[in-house]
Amino acid sequence: MFYNVETEMQYMKNCVIHYFSGTGNTQRAAGILFEQLNKPGIGKCALNNIEQNSSVPLDSHAIHIFMFPVYAGAAPAIMVHYLMNLPSVQGGSAAIIAITGRTEHRHGDPMQALDQASRILARKGFQVQLTDAVEAVANFGQFLNPPTPEAQQQILREADARIREIAEQIRQQQTSIRISAIWIKYAAWCLWAIYTVLARRVLGKLYVADQACTGCGQCAHFCPAAAIRLFHGVPRWNFQCEGCQRCMNICPTHAIQVSFLRLFVMLMTTVLFPIAVFIHFLALHGIVLSLFFTVLTTIGVVVCADVVVFLLELIPAMRYLTTASHTRRYRRYLAPDFLKTLARTHRDSRNSLDNSSRGY
């Protein structure tokens, strides 16, 4: 490919990085990419945290870079919603960078996340020129203990170096599309469908705040899905959980755990109960009506079971049972400086909204 400095300068004159970050890995990568593309003599770049609902004029930027963590082999629901609601463009350039989770013994894989985002952007009129993935610290803390601090540092060093390589590819306008195996894409699509419709919503219902909770409300304040409310000083999760693991890791007293009781109840009401109900109705009403009755009764049973368990959690004598958990011995992980940056971003967003409401 013919490389021309003047063309590069025009290409990089305006770029914007749209990102979502659950516990800081993507924000860290976006920050490094921003620094690399915003150097004097290279170009001008902007950061757009999609949690802030800020409006970015697409036509005024030469290239748009979309960055997000991979949840269940796909882009997070909040990022998919953001991409689906972008206005159409004519020939805008785009790059997609997925952040996968890595442990001491297991590497991450973007699965269908890059293809999923590429398809949405293509329908919006973007020309996707680069798709790639970067391995960062795995943080599915509900069921996996995050890597040791030593392993975290090694993973972050390698992730930082990889994002700088990708920044150079973008700066030089290289076309590079990462391809996943067909069977991985289809398997991941099925996983994503189950996760988006059901699993991520159930994940929030597994949480409980144990006796260490001070009722500070930090989990609710920083939840990107507004899925947490305080009820008599006790956090309560609704069914809009993103599955980002932020609340569990951001809690200053490490009070948020996965409840054994809730895990058992949700397993019974969302898996075993629907199977039994469907089999029962199938012999009487056929497939369509059986599915309808199964969905209807399952929703009712899940909601009622959730209320009963929450009421039990409010009884001091039952706290030992309702807060029993395997996650107390798990480490917690936030990318370095994530909480500080998150607090500043939320403060700036709140000030902007206040000024807007006053007509400034």
Protein backbone atom coordinates (compact mmCIF):
# COMPACT_ATOMS: atom_id res chain seq x y z
CA MET A 1 0.00 0.00 0.00
CA PHE A 2 1.33 3.44 -0.96
CA TYR A 3 2.03 5.43 2.21
CA ASN A 4 1.74 9.20 2.09
CA VAL A 5 2.29 11.47 5.11
CA GLU A 6 -0.08 14.12 3.78
CA THR A 7 -2.84 11.54 3.31
CA GLU A 8 -2.22 10.23 6.81
CA MET A 9 -2.54 13.70 8.32
CA GLN A 10 -5.86 14.25 6.57
CA TYR A 11 -7.05 10.82 7.65
CA MET A 12 -6.12 11.38 11.28
CA LYS A 13 -7.22 15.01 11.42
CA ASN A 14 -10.34 14.03 13.33
CA CYS A 15 -11.03 10.70 14.99
CA VAL A 16 -13.21 9.68 17.89
CA ILE A 17 -13.00 6.62 20.16
CA HIS A 18 -16.41 5.37 21.28
CA TYR A 19 -15.98 2.99 24.22
CA PHE A 20 -17.70 1.15 27.04
CA SER A 21 -15.77 -0.28 29.98
CA GLY A 22 -17.14 -2.40 32.81
CA THR A 23 -14.17 -2.58 35.17
CA GLY A 24 -11.60 -0.47 33.37
CA ASN A 25 -9.73 -2.68 30.90
CA THR A 26 -11.35 -1.08 27.86
CA GLN A 27 -11.03 2.41 29.31
CA ARG A 28 -7.31 1.84 29.88
CA ALA A 29 -6.87 0.60 26.30
CA ALA A 30 -8.91 3.52 24.94
CA GLY A 31 -6.75 5.96 26.91
CA ILE A 32 -3.54 4.53 25.47
CA LEU A 33 -4.98 4.58 21.96
CA PHE A 34 -6.07 8.18 22.50
CA GLU A 35 -2.53 9.17 23.54
CA GLN A 36 -0.99 7.45 20.54
CA LEU A 37 -3.37 9.03 18.02
CA ASN A 38 -3.43 12.46 19.65
CA LYS A 39 0.28 13.17 19.53
CA PRO A 40 1.44 16.53 18.12
CA GLY A 41 1.92 16.30 14.37
CA ILE A 42 -0.21 13.17 14.01
CA GLY A 43 -3.81 14.20 14.45
CA LYS A 44 -6.61 15.16 16.76
CA CYS A 45 -8.60 12.52 18.57
CA ALA A 46 -11.52 12.54 21.04
CA LEU A 47 -12.82 10.08 23.63
CA ASN A 48 -16.52 9.28 23.94
CA ASN A 49 -17.66 7.18 26.89
CA ILE A 50 -21.02 5.90 25.66
CA GLU A 51 -22.36 5.70 29.23
CA GLN A 52 -22.63 9.48 29.25
CA ASN A 53 -25.18 9.58 26.40
CA SER A 54 -23.17 12.29 24.70
CA SER A 55 -23.94 13.19 21.10
CA VAL A 56 -21.03 12.94 18.66
CA PRO A 57 -21.54 14.31 15.13
CA LEU A 58 -20.41 11.41 12.96
CA ASP A 59 -19.78 13.39 9.78
CA SER A 60 -17.24 15.68 11.44
CA HIS A 61 -14.77 12.85 12.12
CA ALA A 62 -12.69 10.99 9.57
CA ILE A 63 -12.57 7.72 11.48
CA HIS A 64 -14.60 6.22 14.30
CA ILE A 65 -13.04 3.64 16.62
CA PHE A 66 -15.35 1.42 18.67
CA MET A 67 -13.98 -0.37 21.74
CA PHE A 68 -15.73 -2.70 24.18
CA PRO A 69 -15.22 -5.79 26.36
CA VAL A 70 -16.46 -9.18 25.22
CA TYR A 71 -19.39 -10.65 27.18
CA ALA A 72 -20.49 -14.19 26.35
CA GLY A 73 -18.65 -14.08 23.03
CA ALA A 74 -20.26 -10.84 21.87
CA ALA A 75 -20.42 -7.08 22.37
CA PRO A 76 -22.17 -5.90 25.57
CA ALA A 77 -25.87 -5.11 25.27
CA ILE A 78 -25.19 -1.44 26.02
CA MET A 79 -22.73 -1.22 23.09
CA VAL A 80 -25.05 -3.10 20.72
CA HIS A 81 -27.84 -0.67 21.62
CA TYR A 82 -25.49 2.27 21.03
CA LEU A 83 -24.40 0.97 17.62
CA MET A 84 -27.97 0.21 16.56
CA ASN A 85 -29.01 3.77 17.36
CA LEU A 86 -26.21 5.50 15.47
CA PRO A 87 -27.41 7.58 12.53
CA SER A 88 -26.51 6.37 9.05
CA VAL A 89 -23.39 7.75 7.38
CA GLN A 90 -22.03 7.74 3.87
CA GLY A 91 -18.72 5.93 3.67
CA GLY A 92 -17.40 6.74 7.14
CA SER A 93 -14.31 4.78 8.20
CA ALA A 94 -14.44 2.58 11.30
CA ALA A 95 -12.20 0.37 13.40
CA ILE A 96 -13.35 -2.11 16.05
CA ILE A 97 -11.27 -3.29 18.99
CA ALA A 98 -12.63 -5.92 21.38
CA ILE A 99 -11.10 -6.47 24.82
CA THR A 100 -11.08 -10.13 25.88
CA GLY A 101 -10.34 -11.70 29.25
CA ARG A 102 -7.14 -13.59 29.98
CA THR A 103 -6.08 -15.56 33.05
CA GLU A 104 -2.78 -17.18 33.99
CA HIS A 105 -3.76 -20.31 32.05
CA ARG A 106 -6.42 -19.28 29.53
CA HIS A 107 -6.34 -16.86 26.60
CA GLY A 108 -9.31 -14.75 25.55
CA ASP A 109 -11.16 -14.97 22.25
CA PRO A 110 -13.46 -12.32 20.71
CA MET A 111 -15.58 -15.11 19.18
CA GLN A 112 -18.36 -13.33 17.22
CA ALA A 113 -18.02 -9.88 18.88
CA LEU A 114 -16.04 -8.29 16.03
CA ASP A 115 -18.30 -9.70 13.30
CA GLN A 116 -21.39 -8.65 15.22
CA ALA A 117 -20.24 -5.02 15.52
CA SER A 118 -18.99 -5.02 11.92
CA ARG A 119 -22.37 -6.09 10.57
CA ILE A 120 -24.18 -3.37 12.48
CA LEU A 121 -21.74 -0.67 11.37
CA ALA A 122 -21.87 -1.85 7.75
CA ARG A 123 -25.65 -1.46 7.78
CA LYS A 124 -25.12 2.09 9.05
CA GLY A 125 -22.89 2.89 6.06
CA PHE A 126 -19.46 2.57 7.70
CA GLN A 127 -16.50 1.03 5.94
CA VAL A 128 -14.86 -1.15 8.58
CA GLN A 129 -11.13 -1.12 7.91
CA LEU A 130 -9.75 -2.81 11.00
CA THR A 131 -11.03 -5.32 13.54
CA ASP A 132 -8.82 -6.76 16.26
CA ALA A 133 -8.79 -7.95 19.85
CA VAL A 134 -6.58 -7.27 22.86
CA GLU A 135 -6.26 -9.61 25.83
CA ALA A 136 -6.63 -7.92 29.22
CA VAL A 137 -7.24 -9.17 32.76
CA ALA A 138 -10.16 -11.61 32.94
CA ASN A 139 -12.77 -10.39 35.38
CA PHE A 140 -15.84 -12.62 35.50
CA GLY A 141 -15.69 -12.41 39.27
CA GLN A 142 -19.03 -14.08 39.93
CA PHE A 143 -17.58 -17.48 39.02
CA LEU A 144 -13.85 -17.03 38.29
CA ASN A 145 -11.23 -15.71 40.66
CA PRO A 146 -9.31 -12.91 38.87
CA PRO A 147 -5.60 -13.52 38.20
CA THR A 148 -3.01 -12.85 40.89
CA PRO A 149 -1.63 -9.28 41.13
CA GLU A 150 1.63 -10.44 39.55
CA ALA A 151 -0.20 -12.02 36.62
CA GLN A 152 -2.36 -8.92 36.28
CA GLN A 153 0.70 -6.72 35.83
CA GLN A 154 2.14 -9.01 33.16
CA ILE A 155 -1.16 -9.19 31.27
CA LEU A 156 -1.57 -5.40 31.39
CA ARG A 157 1.96 -4.80 30.12
CA GLU A 158 1.34 -7.05 27.12
CA ALA A 159 -2.09 -5.49 26.52
CA ASP A 160 -0.59 -1.98 26.56
CA ALA A 161 2.04 -2.99 24.03
CA ARG A 162 -0.57 -4.61 21.78
CA ILE A 163 -2.83 -1.54 21.77
CA ARG A 164 0.15 0.60 20.73
CA GLU A 165 0.73 -1.74 17.79
CA ILE A 166 -2.91 -1.37 16.76
CA ALA A 167 -2.62 2.41 17.07
CA GLU A 168 0.21 2.33 14.56
CA GLN A 169 -1.88 0.21 12.19
CA ILE A 170 -4.70 2.75 12.41
CA ARG A 171 -2.32 5.66 11.92
CA GLN A 172 -0.93 4.06 8.77
CA GLN A 173 -4.44 3.28 7.49
CA GLN A 174 -3.79 -0.45 7.32
CA THR A 175 -6.69 -2.73 6.50
CA SER A 176 -6.76 -5.68 8.86
CA ILE A 177 -9.83 -7.81 9.53
CA ARG A 178 -9.60 -10.52 12.18
CA ILE A 179 -11.46 -13.67 11.18
CA SER A 180 -12.90 -16.25 13.58
CA ALA A 181 -13.75 -19.83 12.68
CA ILE A 182 -17.30 -20.32 11.40
CA TRP A 183 -18.23 -22.83 14.12
CA ILE A 184 -17.02 -20.43 16.81
CA LYS A 185 -19.20 -17.64 15.39
CA TYR A 186 -22.35 -19.75 15.33
CA ALA A 187 -21.72 -21.24 18.76
CA ALA A 188 -21.06 -17.75 20.11
CA TRP A 189 -24.23 -16.41 18.49
CA CYS A 190 -26.31 -18.99 20.36
CA LEU A 191 -24.46 -18.17 23.59
CA TRP A 192 -25.04 -14.44 23.04
CA ALA A 193 -28.76 -14.93 22.39
CA ILE A 194 -29.20 -16.84 25.66
CA TYR A 195 -27.02 -14.38 27.56
CA THR A 196 -28.73 -11.25 26.23
CA VAL A 197 -32.30 -12.45 26.67
CA LEU A 198 -31.94 -14.30 29.97
CA ALA A 199 -28.53 -14.96 31.50
CA ARG A 200 -27.29 -11.38 32.01
CA ARG A 201 -30.59 -10.50 33.70
CA VAL A 202 -30.30 -13.47 36.02
CA LEU A 203 -26.68 -12.59 36.85
CA GLY A 204 -27.83 -9.45 38.64
CA LYS A 205 -30.27 -11.50 40.67
CA LEU A 206 -27.41 -13.62 42.05
CA TYR A 207 -25.90 -10.70 43.94
CA VAL A 208 -26.35 -10.03 47.62
CA ALA A 209 -24.76 -7.45 49.92
CA ASP A 210 -23.37 -9.13 53.02
CA GLN A 211 -22.87 -7.78 56.54
CA ALA A 212 -19.92 -5.64 55.42
CA CYS A 213 -22.23 -3.38 53.37
CA THR A 214 -22.33 0.21 54.68
CA GLY A 215 -25.15 1.36 52.40
CA CYS A 216 -22.86 3.90 50.74
CA GLY A 217 -24.68 3.50 47.41
CA GLN A 218 -21.52 3.49 45.28
CA CYS A 219 -22.67 0.35 43.46
CA ALA A 220 -25.94 2.02 42.47
CA HIS A 221 -24.31 5.34 41.56
CA PHE A 222 -21.84 3.83 39.10
CA CYS A 223 -24.01 1.07 37.61
CA PRO A 224 -24.02 1.63 33.81
CA ALA A 225 -27.43 -0.03 33.43
CA ALA A 226 -29.10 1.73 36.40
CA ALA A 227 -29.91 -1.79 37.61
CA ILE A 228 -29.36 -1.16 41.33
CA ARG A 229 -31.52 0.67 43.86
CA LEU A 230 -31.09 1.00 47.62
CA PHE A 231 -33.99 -0.33 49.69
CA HIS A 232 -33.63 0.62 53.36
CA GLY A 233 -29.90 0.98 52.75
CA VAL A 234 -29.60 -2.45 51.11
CA PRO A 235 -28.75 -2.79 47.38
CA ARG A 236 -31.39 -4.48 45.24
CA TRP A 237 -30.73 -5.51 41.64
CA ASN A 238 -33.43 -5.44 38.97
CA PHE A 239 -33.55 -7.47 35.73
CA GLN A 240 -31.59 -4.94 33.63
CA CYS A 241 -28.12 -6.09 34.73
CA GLU A 242 -25.43 -5.66 32.07
CA GLY A 243 -23.25 -8.40 33.56
CA CYS A 244 -20.25 -6.05 33.64
CA GLN A 245 -19.12 -7.05 37.19
CA ARG A 246 -18.53 -3.39 38.10
CA CYS A 247 -20.62 -3.32 41.28
CA MET A 248 -18.90 -6.36 42.72
CA ASN A 249 -15.44 -4.91 42.14
CA ILE A 250 -16.15 -1.27 42.91
CA CYS A 251 -17.58 -1.92 46.40
CA PRO A 252 -15.15 -0.33 48.92
CA THR A 253 -15.83 -3.03 51.54
CA HIS A 254 -16.03 -6.02 49.14
CA ALA A 255 -19.52 -6.63 50.47
CA ILE A 256 -21.16 -7.74 47.20
CA GLN A 257 -21.20 -11.50 46.80
CA VAL A 258 -22.89 -14.22 44.77
CA SER A 259 -25.49 -15.77 47.05
CA PHE A 260 -25.65 -19.58 47.19
CA LEU A 261 -29.35 -19.29 48.00
CA ARG A 262 -30.03 -17.00 45.04
CA LEU A 263 -27.96 -19.21 42.74
CA PHE A 264 -30.06 -22.23 43.76
CA VAL A 265 -33.37 -20.36 43.46
CA MET A 266 -32.51 -18.90 40.04
CA LEU A 267 -31.34 -22.28 38.77
CA MET A 268 -34.60 -23.85 39.87
CA THR A 269 -36.90 -21.11 38.57
CA THR A 270 -35.19 -20.28 35.26
CA VAL A 271 -33.99 -23.73 34.17
CA LEU A 272 -35.61 -26.69 35.90
CA PHE A 273 -39.07 -25.18 36.44
CA PRO A 274 -39.56 -24.09 32.77
CA ILE A 275 -38.49 -27.53 31.54
CA ALA A 276 -41.00 -29.26 33.82
CA VAL A 277 -43.80 -26.84 32.91
CA PHE A 278 -43.17 -27.17 29.17
CA ILE A 279 -43.20 -30.97 29.32
CA HIS A 280 -46.43 -30.88 31.33
CA PHE A 281 -48.24 -28.52 28.92
CA LEU A 282 -46.83 -30.13 25.76
CA ALA A 283 -48.97 -33.23 26.11
CA LEU A 284 -52.10 -31.10 26.50
CA HIS A 285 -51.74 -28.02 24.29
CA GLY A 286 -49.00 -28.48 21.68
CA ILE A 287 -45.77 -26.56 21.20
CA VAL A 288 -46.99 -22.98 20.69
CA LEU A 289 -49.39 -22.82 23.64
CA SER A 290 -46.92 -24.75 25.78
CA LEU A 291 -44.22 -22.17 25.09
CA PHE A 292 -46.64 -19.35 25.88
CA PHE A 293 -47.74 -20.88 29.19
CA THR A 294 -44.15 -21.76 30.11
CA VAL A 295 -42.88 -18.22 29.55
CA LEU A 296 -45.83 -16.67 31.37
CA THR A 297 -45.65 -18.91 34.42
CA THR A 298 -41.85 -18.76 34.58
CA ILE A 299 -41.85 -14.95 34.66
CA GLY A 300 -44.36 -14.98 37.50
CA VAL A 301 -42.49 -17.61 39.49
CA VAL A 302 -39.09 -15.87 39.04
CA VAL A 303 -40.46 -12.49 40.15
CA CYS A 304 -42.20 -13.97 43.19
CA ALA A 305 -39.16 -16.04 44.17
CA ASP A 306 -36.93 -12.98 43.89
CA VAL A 307 -39.21 -10.95 46.18
CA VAL A 308 -39.36 -13.74 48.77
CA VAL A 309 -35.57 -14.11 48.83
CA PHE A 310 -35.07 -10.36 49.15
CA LEU A 311 -37.46 -10.21 52.09
CA LEU A 312 -35.48 -13.02 53.72
CA GLU A 313 -32.31 -10.98 53.20
CA LEU A 314 -33.81 -8.15 55.24
CA ILE A 315 -34.27 -10.42 58.29
CA PRO A 316 -31.12 -10.22 60.48
CA ALA A 317 -31.53 -13.79 61.71
CA MET A 318 -31.48 -15.06 58.11
CA ARG A 319 -28.42 -13.11 56.96
CA TYR A 320 -26.01 -15.98 57.52
CA LEU A 321 -28.05 -18.18 55.17
CA THR A 322 -28.86 -15.55 52.54
CA THR A 323 -25.27 -14.23 52.27
CA ALA A 324 -23.43 -17.57 52.19
CA SER A 325 -21.11 -17.33 49.17
CA HIS A 326 -18.03 -18.68 47.43
CA THR A 327 -16.91 -15.22 46.27
CA ARG A 328 -15.72 -13.95 49.66
CA ARG A 329 -12.36 -15.58 49.03
CA TYR A 330 -12.14 -14.16 45.49
CA ARG A 331 -9.91 -11.24 44.63
CA ARG A 332 -11.45 -8.05 43.29
CA TYR A 333 -10.12 -6.27 40.21
CA LEU A 334 -10.41 -2.81 38.70
CA ALA A 335 -7.97 -1.53 36.09
CA PRO A 336 -5.53 1.01 37.57
CA ASP A 337 -7.09 4.48 38.05
CA PHE A 338 -10.46 3.29 36.73
CA LEU A 339 -12.46 4.40 39.76
CA LYS A 340 -10.82 7.83 39.80
CA THR A 341 -11.52 8.36 36.09
CA LEU A 342 -15.05 7.02 36.42
CA ALA A 343 -15.84 9.39 39.29
CA ARG A 344 -14.49 12.35 37.31
CA THR A 345 -16.46 11.37 34.22
CA HIS A 346 -19.70 11.06 36.17
CA ARG A 347 -19.06 14.37 37.91
CA ASP A 348 -18.38 16.13 34.60
CA SER A 349 -21.50 14.58 33.08
CA ARG A 350 -23.63 15.68 36.03
CA ASN A 351 -22.24 19.23 35.84
CA SER A 352 -22.96 19.31 32.11
CA LEU A 353 -26.55 18.23 32.70
CA ASP A 354 -26.95 20.86 35.45
CA ASN A 355 -25.61 23.60 33.20
CA SER A 356 -27.84 22.47 30.34
CA SER A 357 -30.93 22.56 32.56
CA ARG A 358 -30.03 26.10 33.61
CA GLY A 359 -29.65 27.22 30.03
CA TYR A 360 -25.85 27.74 30.13
